Amino acid sequence: MTTGELLRAAREKVGISQAKLASLTGMHRQQLYRYEKGINEPELPQLRLLARALGVEPGELIGRDG
């Protein structure tokens, strides 16, 4: 799975919208959309914010365990 697919799956697993995740991370919803669609890839600081908000390890969002 791509980073975008993993991000979307993690977001849906915890049952929150892109708008809610944007609010939790301080990112724009449009940026999350771009990450999920694979248009852009999150850099490490954003990846860490997303992982923390979703309750997963950053590696899980890039296809690595933990």
PDB file of N, CA and C in Angstrom:
ATOM      1  N   MET A   1       0.844  -1.191   0.000  1.00  0.00           N
ATOM      2  CA  MET A   1       0.000   0.000   0.000  1.00  0.00           C
ATOM      3  C   MET A   1       0.882   1.245   0.000  1.00  0.00           C
ATOM      4  N   THR A   2       0.368   2.306  -0.596  1.00  0.00           N
ATOM      5  CA  THR A   2       1.098   3.569  -0.622  1.00  0.00           C
ATOM      6  C   THR A   2       0.926   4.299   0.708  1.00  0.00           C
ATOM      7  N   THR A   3       1.735   5.308   0.927  1.00  0.00           N
ATOM      8  CA  THR A   3       1.593   6.133   2.127  1.00  0.00           C
ATOM      9  C   THR A   3       0.197   6.734   2.202  1.00  0.00           C
ATOM     10  N   GLY A   4      -0.301   7.213   1.077  1.00  0.00           N
ATOM     11  CA  GLY A   4      -1.636   7.797   1.061  1.00  0.00           C
ATOM     12  C   GLY A   4      -2.713   6.800   1.450  1.00  0.00           C
ATOM     13  N   GLU A   5      -2.607   5.585   0.926  1.00  0.00           N
ATOM     14  CA  GLU A   5      -3.574   4.541   1.262  1.00  0.00           C
ATOM     15  C   GLU A   5      -3.490   4.158   2.733  1.00  0.00           C
ATOM     16  N   LEU A   6      -2.273   4.078   3.256  1.00  0.00           N
ATOM     17  CA  LEU A   6      -2.084   3.748   4.669  1.00  0.00           C
ATOM     18  C   LEU A   6      -2.617   4.862   5.566  1.00  0.00           C
ATOM     19  N   LEU A   7      -2.394   6.101   5.149  1.00  0.00           N
ATOM     20  CA  LEU A   7      -2.900   7.240   5.911  1.00  0.00           C
ATOM     21  C   LEU A   7      -4.422   7.220   5.953  1.00  0.00           C
ATOM     22  N   ARG A   8      -5.025   7.025   4.811  1.00  0.00           N
ATOM     23  CA  ARG A   8      -6.488   6.997   4.760  1.00  0.00           C
ATOM     24  C   ARG A   8      -7.046   5.842   5.591  1.00  0.00           C
ATOM     25  N   ALA A   9      -6.428   4.672   5.487  1.00  0.00           N
ATOM     26  CA  ALA A   9      -6.891   3.512   6.251  1.00  0.00           C
ATOM     27  C   ALA A   9      -6.782   3.770   7.749  1.00  0.00           C
ATOM     28  N   ALA A  10      -5.683   4.376   8.184  1.00  0.00           N
ATOM     29  CA  ALA A  10      -5.511   4.679   9.607  1.00  0.00           C
ATOM     30  C   ALA A  10      -6.544   5.701  10.067  1.00  0.00           C
ATOM     31  N   ARG A  11      -6.801   6.696   9.242  1.00  0.00           N
ATOM     32  CA  ARG A  11      -7.802   7.725   9.583  1.00  0.00           C
ATOM     33  C   ARG A  11      -9.187   7.110   9.688  1.00  0.00           C
ATOM     34  N   GLU A  12      -9.527   6.275   8.728  1.00  0.00           N
ATOM     35  CA  GLU A  12     -10.845   5.645   8.740  1.00  0.00           C
ATOM     36  C   GLU A  12     -10.979   4.651   9.890  1.00  0.00           C
ATOM     37  N   LYS A  13      -9.891   4.004  10.269  1.00  0.00           N
ATOM     38  CA  LYS A  13      -9.917   3.044  11.376  1.00  0.00           C
ATOM     39  C   LYS A  13     -10.306   3.723  12.688  1.00  0.00           C
ATOM     40  N   VAL A  14      -9.819   4.950  12.885  1.00  0.00           N
ATOM     41  CA  VAL A  14     -10.192   5.669  14.116  1.00  0.00           C
ATOM     42  C   VAL A  14     -11.481   6.455  13.946  1.00  0.00           C
ATOM     43  N   GLY A  15     -12.013   6.468  12.725  1.00  0.00           N
ATOM     44  CA  GLY A  15     -13.330   7.053  12.488  1.00  0.00           C
ATOM     45  C   GLY A  15     -13.391   8.561  12.487  1.00  0.00           C
ATOM     46  N   ILE A  16     -12.360   9.201  11.941  1.00  0.00           N
ATOM     47  CA  ILE A  16     -12.400  10.660  11.870  1.00  0.00           C
ATOM     48  C   ILE A  16     -12.318  11.123  10.414  1.00  0.00           C
ATOM     49  N   SER A  17     -12.838  12.303  10.180  1.00  0.00           N
ATOM     50  CA  SER A  17     -12.835  12.889   8.840  1.00  0.00           C
ATOM     51  C   SER A  17     -11.498  13.572   8.561  1.00  0.00           C
ATOM     52  N   GLN A  18     -11.289  13.910   7.302  1.00  0.00           N
ATOM     53  CA  GLN A  18     -10.108  14.705   6.950  1.00  0.00           C
ATOM     54  C   GLN A  18     -10.145  16.040   7.681  1.00  0.00           C
ATOM     55  N   ALA A  19     -11.317  16.629   7.785  1.00  0.00           N
ATOM     56  CA  ALA A  19     -11.442  17.922   8.459  1.00  0.00           C
ATOM     57  C   ALA A  19     -11.038  17.820   9.928  1.00  0.00           C
ATOM     58  N   LYS A  20     -11.449  16.743  10.599  1.00  0.00           N
ATOM     59  CA  LYS A  20     -11.097  16.547  12.008  1.00  0.00           C
ATOM     60  C   LYS A  20      -9.599  16.316  12.150  1.00  0.00           C
ATOM     61  N   LEU A  21      -9.028  15.504  11.265  1.00  0.00           N
ATOM     62  CA  LEU A  21      -7.589  15.252  11.322  1.00  0.00           C
ATOM     63  C   LEU A  21      -6.817  16.545  11.056  1.00  0.00           C
ATOM     64  N   ALA A  22      -7.311  17.344  10.139  1.00  0.00           N
ATOM     65  CA  ALA A  22      -6.678  18.639   9.871  1.00  0.00           C
ATOM     66  C   ALA A  22      -6.691  19.496  11.127  1.00  0.00           C
ATOM     67  N   SER A  23      -7.807  19.508  11.816  1.00  0.00           N
ATOM     68  CA  SER A  23      -7.931  20.285  13.046  1.00  0.00           C
ATOM     69  C   SER A  23      -6.960  19.779  14.117  1.00  0.00           C
ATOM     70  N   LEU A  24      -6.836  18.471  14.243  1.00  0.00           N
ATOM     71  CA  LEU A  24      -5.952  17.872  15.251  1.00  0.00           C
ATOM     72  C   LEU A  24      -4.479  18.136  14.980  1.00  0.00           C
ATOM     73  N   THR A  25      -4.123  18.278  13.710  1.00  0.00           N
ATOM     74  CA  THR A  25      -2.713  18.422  13.341  1.00  0.00           C
ATOM     75  C   THR A  25      -2.309  19.850  12.976  1.00  0.00           C
ATOM     76  N   GLY A  26      -3.300  20.716  12.770  1.00  0.00           N
ATOM     77  CA  GLY A  26      -2.988  22.074  12.341  1.00  0.00           C
ATOM     78  C   GLY A  26      -2.692  22.175  10.859  1.00  0.00           C
ATOM     79  N   MET A  27      -3.000  21.119  10.123  1.00  0.00           N
ATOM     80  CA  MET A  27      -2.793  21.128   8.668  1.00  0.00           C
ATOM     81  C   MET A  27      -4.085  21.547   7.974  1.00  0.00           C
ATOM     82  N   HIS A  28      -3.965  21.875   6.710  1.00  0.00           N
ATOM     83  CA  HIS A  28      -5.145  22.177   5.905  1.00  0.00           C
ATOM     84  C   HIS A  28      -5.749  20.866   5.407  1.00  0.00           C
ATOM     85  N   ARG A  29      -7.061  20.794   5.332  1.00  0.00           N
ATOM     86  CA  ARG A  29      -7.736  19.600   4.841  1.00  0.00           C
ATOM     87  C   ARG A  29      -7.276  19.256   3.424  1.00  0.00           C
ATOM     88  N   GLN A  30      -7.058  20.285   2.608  1.00  0.00           N
ATOM     89  CA  GLN A  30      -6.614  20.065   1.231  1.00  0.00           C
ATOM     90  C   GLN A  30      -5.260  19.353   1.190  1.00  0.00           C
ATOM     91  N   GLN A  31      -4.384  19.661   2.142  1.00  0.00           N
ATOM     92  CA  GLN A  31      -3.087  18.994   2.190  1.00  0.00           C
ATOM     93  C   GLN A  31      -3.265  17.514   2.517  1.00  0.00           C
ATOM     94  N   LEU A  32      -4.166  17.208   3.447  1.00  0.00           N
ATOM     95  CA  LEU A  32      -4.432  15.810   3.776  1.00  0.00           C
ATOM     96  C   LEU A  32      -5.005  15.070   2.566  1.00  0.00           C
ATOM     97  N   TYR A  33      -5.880  15.738   1.840  1.00  0.00           N
ATOM     98  CA  TYR A  33      -6.435  15.161   0.612  1.00  0.00           C
ATOM     99  C   TYR A  33      -5.292  14.801  -0.344  1.00  0.00           C
ATOM    100  N   ARG A  34      -4.354  15.717  -0.508  1.00  0.00           N
ATOM    101  CA  ARG A  34      -3.225  15.482  -1.425  1.00  0.00           C
ATOM    102  C   ARG A  34      -2.353  14.319  -0.956  1.00  0.00           C
ATOM    103  N   TYR A  35      -2.160  14.221   0.360  1.00  0.00           N
ATOM    104  CA  TYR A  35      -1.397  13.090   0.888  1.00  0.00           C
ATOM    105  C   TYR A  35      -2.122  11.782   0.601  1.00  0.00           C
ATOM    106  N   GLU A  36      -3.414  11.748   0.889  1.00  0.00           N
ATOM    107  CA  GLU A  36      -4.178  10.513   0.705  1.00  0.00           C
ATOM    108  C   GLU A  36      -4.276  10.102  -0.757  1.00  0.00           C
ATOM    109  N   LYS A  37      -4.326  11.061  -1.659  1.00  0.00           N
ATOM    110  CA  LYS A  37      -4.408  10.756  -3.089  1.00  0.00           C
ATOM    111  C   LYS A  37      -3.043  10.481  -3.713  1.00  0.00           C
ATOM    112  N   GLY A  38      -1.963  10.665  -2.951  1.00  0.00           N
ATOM    113  CA  GLY A  38      -0.628  10.412  -3.469  1.00  0.00           C
ATOM    114  C   GLY A  38      -0.079  11.535  -4.327  1.00  0.00           C
ATOM    115  N   ILE A  39      -0.716  12.687  -4.288  1.00  0.00           N
ATOM    116  CA  ILE A  39      -0.246  13.841  -5.053  1.00  0.00           C
ATOM    117  C   ILE A  39       1.023  14.397  -4.412  1.00  0.00           C
ATOM    118  N   ASN A  40       1.027  14.432  -3.088  1.00  0.00           N
ATOM    119  CA  ASN A  40       2.191  14.860  -2.314  1.00  0.00           C
ATOM    120  C   ASN A  40       2.490  13.798  -1.264  1.00  0.00           C
ATOM    121  N   GLU A  41       3.721  13.781  -0.785  1.00  0.00           N
ATOM    122  CA  GLU A  41       4.124  12.888   0.300  1.00  0.00           C
ATOM    123  C   GLU A  41       4.433  13.741   1.522  1.00  0.00           C
ATOM    124  N   PRO A  42       3.956  13.329   2.697  1.00  0.00           N
ATOM    125  CA  PRO A  42       4.278  14.101   3.899  1.00  0.00           C
ATOM    126  C   PRO A  42       5.751  13.978   4.244  1.00  0.00           C
ATOM    127  N   GLU A  43       6.332  15.085   4.678  1.00  0.00           N
ATOM    128  CA  GLU A  43       7.705  15.055   5.164  1.00  0.00           C
ATOM    129  C   GLU A  43       7.683  14.548   6.600  1.00  0.00           C
ATOM    130  N   LEU A  44       8.837  14.254   7.151  1.00  0.00           N
ATOM    131  CA  LEU A  44       8.929  13.633   8.464  1.00  0.00           C
ATOM    132  C   LEU A  44       8.175  14.391   9.564  1.00  0.00           C
ATOM    133  N   PRO A  45       8.298  15.717   9.668  1.00  0.00           N
ATOM    134  CA  PRO A  45       7.551  16.405  10.732  1.00  0.00           C
ATOM    135  C   PRO A  45       6.027  16.231  10.602  1.00  0.00           C
ATOM    136  N   GLN A  46       5.521  16.294   9.382  1.00  0.00           N
ATOM    137  CA  GLN A  46       4.093  16.104   9.162  1.00  0.00           C
ATOM    138  C   GLN A  46       3.693  14.649   9.418  1.00  0.00           C
ATOM    139  N   LEU A  47       4.551  13.734   9.022  1.00  0.00           N
ATOM    140  CA  LEU A  47       4.294  12.323   9.244  1.00  0.00           C
ATOM    141  C   LEU A  47       4.171  12.028  10.745  1.00  0.00           C
ATOM    142  N   ARG A  48       5.041  12.635  11.521  1.00  0.00           N
ATOM    143  CA  ARG A  48       4.986  12.444  12.975  1.00  0.00           C
ATOM    144  C   ARG A  48       3.703  13.021  13.567  1.00  0.00           C
ATOM    145  N   LEU A  49       3.305  14.211  13.105  1.00  0.00           N
ATOM    146  CA  LEU A  49       2.049  14.807  13.578  1.00  0.00           C
ATOM    147  C   LEU A  49       0.852  13.925  13.250  1.00  0.00           C
ATOM    148  N   LEU A  50       0.818  13.438  12.025  1.00  0.00           N
ATOM    149  CA  LEU A  50      -0.285  12.581  11.595  1.00  0.00           C
ATOM    150  C   LEU A  50      -0.327  11.299  12.412  1.00  0.00           C
ATOM    151  N   ALA A  51       0.828  10.678  12.593  1.00  0.00           N
ATOM    152  CA  ALA A  51       0.892   9.434  13.356  1.00  0.00           C
ATOM    153  C   ALA A  51       0.422   9.648  14.790  1.00  0.00           C
ATOM    154  N   ARG A  52       0.877  10.724  15.414  1.00  0.00           N
ATOM    155  CA  ARG A  52       0.478  11.013  16.793  1.00  0.00           C
ATOM    156  C   ARG A  52      -1.033  11.202  16.880  1.00  0.00           C
ATOM    157  N   ALA A  53      -1.599  11.947  15.949  1.00  0.00           N
ATOM    158  CA  ALA A  53      -3.044  12.214  15.964  1.00  0.00           C
ATOM    159  C   ALA A  53      -3.853  10.935  15.722  1.00  0.00           C
ATOM    160  N   LEU A  54      -3.283  10.001  14.964  1.00  0.00           N
ATOM    161  CA  LEU A  54      -3.990   8.765  14.635  1.00  0.00           C
ATOM    162  C   LEU A  54      -3.677   7.618  15.593  1.00  0.00           C
ATOM    163  N   GLY A  55      -2.749   7.831  16.496  1.00  0.00           N
ATOM    164  CA  GLY A  55      -2.401   6.798  17.472  1.00  0.00           C
ATOM    165  C   GLY A  55      -1.624   5.631  16.886  1.00  0.00           C
ATOM    166  N   VAL A  56      -0.792   5.935  15.888  1.00  0.00           N
ATOM    167  CA  VAL A  56       0.045   4.902  15.270  1.00  0.00           C
ATOM    168  C   VAL A  56       1.496   5.376  15.262  1.00  0.00           C
ATOM    169  N   GLU A  57       2.383   4.472  14.925  1.00  0.00           N
ATOM    170  CA  GLU A  57       3.792   4.825  14.769  1.00  0.00           C
ATOM    171  C   GLU A  57       3.992   5.401  13.366  1.00  0.00           C
ATOM    172  N   PRO A  58       4.886   6.369  13.206  1.00  0.00           N
ATOM    173  CA  PRO A  58       5.115   6.946  11.866  1.00  0.00           C
ATOM    174  C   PRO A  58       5.417   5.898  10.804  1.00  0.00           C
ATOM    175  N   GLY A  59       6.167   4.869  11.158  1.00  0.00           N
ATOM    176  CA  GLY A  59       6.506   3.820  10.205  1.00  0.00           C
ATOM    177  C   GLY A  59       5.304   3.097   9.645  1.00  0.00           C
ATOM    178  N   GLU A  60       4.223   3.048  10.414  1.00  0.00           N
ATOM    179  CA  GLU A  60       3.022   2.379   9.944  1.00  0.00           C
ATOM    180  C   GLU A  60       2.372   3.142   8.780  1.00  0.00           C
ATOM    181  N   LEU A  61       2.658   4.425   8.679  1.00  0.00           N
ATOM    182  CA  LEU A  61       2.091   5.233   7.607  1.00  0.00           C
ATOM    183  C   LEU A  61       2.913   5.189   6.330  1.00  0.00           C
ATOM    184  N   ILE A  62       4.093   4.573   6.425  1.00  0.00           N
ATOM    185  CA  ILE A  62       4.921   4.438   5.226  1.00  0.00           C
ATOM    186  C   ILE A  62       5.189   2.972   4.892  1.00  0.00           C
ATOM    187  N   GLY A  63       4.429   2.097   5.533  1.00  0.00           N
ATOM    188  CA  GLY A  63       4.526   0.680   5.213  1.00  0.00           C
ATOM    189  C   GLY A  63       5.584  -0.084   5.961  1.00  0.00           C
ATOM    190  N   ARG A  64       6.053   0.485   7.071  1.00  0.00           N
ATOM    191  CA  ARG A  64       7.016  -0.209   7.912  1.00  0.00           C
ATOM    192  C   ARG A  64       6.365  -0.426   9.268  1.00  0.00           C
ATOM    193  N   ASP A  65       6.629  -1.556   9.873  1.00  0.00           N
ATOM    194  CA  ASP A  65       6.085  -1.827  11.213  1.00  0.00           C
ATOM    195  C   ASP A  65       6.837  -0.999  12.232  1.00  0.00           C
ATOM    196  N   GLY A  66       6.050  -0.277  13.070  1.00  0.00           N
ATOM    197  CA  GLY A  66       6.620   0.473  14.183  1.00  0.00           C
ATOM    198  C   GLY A  66       7.579   1.456  13.819  1.00  0.00           C
TER     199      GLY A  66
END
